[in-house]
Amino acid sequence: MCGKRHKCSFSRLEVVLIVLLALMIAVTVALLVLHFLTQENSSSNDYDDPLPTQKPTNGVSGGYLLGAGRADCTGPVAEIPLMGYANPDQVGGGLLTRLYSRAFIVAEPNSSKRVVFVSIDIGMVSQRLRLEVLKKLKSKYGELYRQDNVILSGTHTHSGPGGYFQYTLFWFTSKGLIKPSLDAIVKGIVKSIDIAHQNLKRGRLFINRGTVENSQINRSPYSYLQNPAYEKSRYSSNTDKEMVILKMVDENGHDLGLISWFAVHPVSMNNTNRLVNSDNVGYASLLFEQEKNKGMLTGEGSFVAAFASSNLGDVSPNTKGPFCVNTGESCDNPQSTCPVGGAAMCMAMGPGTDMFDSTRIIGQNIYSKAKELYANASQEITGPLSSAHQWVNMSDVQVELNATHTVKTCKPALGYSFAAGTIDGVGAFNFTQGSVEGDPFWDQIRDQLLGQPSNETKACHEPKPVLFSTGEMTWPHPWHPDIVDVQIATIGSLAIVAVPGEFTTMSGRRLREAVKSEFDSHGTAGMDVVIAGLCNVYTHYITTYEEYQVQRYEAASTIYGPHTLSAYLQLYRGLARAIATNTVQDLPSGPEPPFFNITNFTLVPAVTSDRTPVNKKFGDVLQEVRQHYRVVRASSAKNFLENHP
């Protein structure tokens, strides 16, 4: 301690310690500066310099943050109409496979840019479903997950519960809006995104493509033949046989997930089925996940495999083709009718002995090709993320066909052939595919019950004979949507085009070409373009203008008229241009879709309280097995009590 008469001085040891402390501070500051400079350069490389394009090896660095999640979305499996075949008699009566929502998140490591792709084992995504999901995501994550960067895509299984629509047309076969069904799907989607969000880790993406054989046919070949000869000559098949897969691995090369896009209808299970299931593409998902999550129960394990829908509008898995079930002769004709029994007898069959076997065969084919492509994927996806979205009034889009000719879309309407159904699931009464004229009998019934279509609507939809003018029917709510989502998300060189319905084979080809051409012409060449089907809102089918003229089922279900495809080509070109030129922020968001104040409007009777006999409980065996059996007989309980599923 310094006294009053002496100057303060430091010992030699104290001086040495002070010098050492100063040196340590200087070295620490230098290291911190060097660290941040290095991190800044690394961050810059993540965005500006493409990562190596070789196959991942041990210890590689990832270019993105990747997350995958899966959650159950099955909902009620009994006494609820199944969604897909529009058959009010097809009501759930049990469970074959559970339904899942499979979510994938791709994020830039040092920014808030993200893309979310969700494939759900349901018939299609409804507008009400999407709005509910976005609302819940906003309450959890703020503006991180939004309408522009979240894609919701239905697999299009025809064996999932219905009742999750807010537009009146879909209430007829689904018997209204069924809250337990809607809530289960919303909860499953949000939970799958939550899991993917929680699982985000550094990783890499790889793309691969290959041909799938013996798994599809065109169910409207007569329509396909109407397309220009020069266009058809460019393709070897009247279906898209190419599968595109996206492989996800972590920074050490460990498997995370798979998304496969392939065009095929999940209708191996026909309209006599009563068991809730995910059909052929869902079976492929289960096979892939069981392979990667060894030792885990179905629906468990970290690896997630989604087999998503694409331009499947005219593509059937029933590869034996259409035959008259009463005579065995082919009914592959423009009207899909049989000499005896008419259209009701014309049905397509799958490759198996029954619908369960056909589901297994097609699912196995798809899985096997995806497994091969996944194992050999070596083309890496790199580059920034972007997304563009608009709401569009599809009932009034002005379409510039060329410099001198402008046309427009129509108010929604369904044609006569809509009621005929398809060779995968026939309709009712005496309706046939290829109807270009109405029927006075049905016109009169319609006019009395629902009102007559306006002359404007009838003229706009020609040559479609209008059966239901849904765009002019508004009680108790609009029957069809006017406001529709269009959306593109890009992950480096991959563009995912999210479409609100079922594009036919040639429609999908034209859309992919239009989007790719737009990217090419604005300095973003070499984009891989995939179509994700049944996204965000359901608007039935989208045929080419030429296919529309012969009015088979898909054309009669092209609800915005003959120029629907041209309108979408124009709209998606605009989205691609905005992404390529970095002007997404200048896109008008468009008119927001309605959210009708419907909480639970259903004709499905409430489930009565389950009760057991006196002194019994659920699970009790009512009739025991015998104490002794011959060796050739299996032993099992014959009867036991069970509650409503």
Foldseek 3Di string as FASTA:
>chain_A
DDDPVDDDDDDPVVVVVVVVVVVVVVVVVVVVVVVVVVVVVVLVCLFPPWDDQFAAAAQFFFSWWKFKFKFFLQFAQFLFFFAAQLALVQTGDAADDTWMKMKMKTGGPPDLDIAMEIETLHQFDAQQLLVLLQVVCCVVPNPSDHPFRYWYFYQRARQGGDQCYDFDQSCVSRFHRAQRNSVSNSVRNNVRVVRRVVGIAGWFKFKFKDFFPLFKAFQQVVLLVLPDPVVPVVDPHQFDRMKMKMFIAHRRRHGAEMEIEDAEHQLLPASVDNHRDSFQQRLLFQVVCCVRQPPDDGPDDRYGYGHFYAQHQRMYRLRQAWAQQVPGHHQSDNFQFDPPPTNVRIAGHHPDPGSVRSRVVSSVSVNVVRVVRNVPTRGTFGHDKDKFKAKAQQQFFWFDPDPPDIDHWHQFFFFQQLQQGTNRHGHDDNGTFQDQDDDPVLQVVCCVPFNHDDPVRCVQAPSGHTNGRQSPGQVVHRNFWRIDMWMWIDRRQEIETEDQEHEHRVLSVVLQVLLQVLLVVLPNHDHHYTYGYSINHHQYADYALSSLNRGHNRNSSNTGHSCSSSSSSVVSSVRSNCVNVVNSVVDDRYDDTDNDPDNRRRPRDDDDDDDDPPPDDFPAQPAAWDPDDDPVDDHDRDDTHHDND
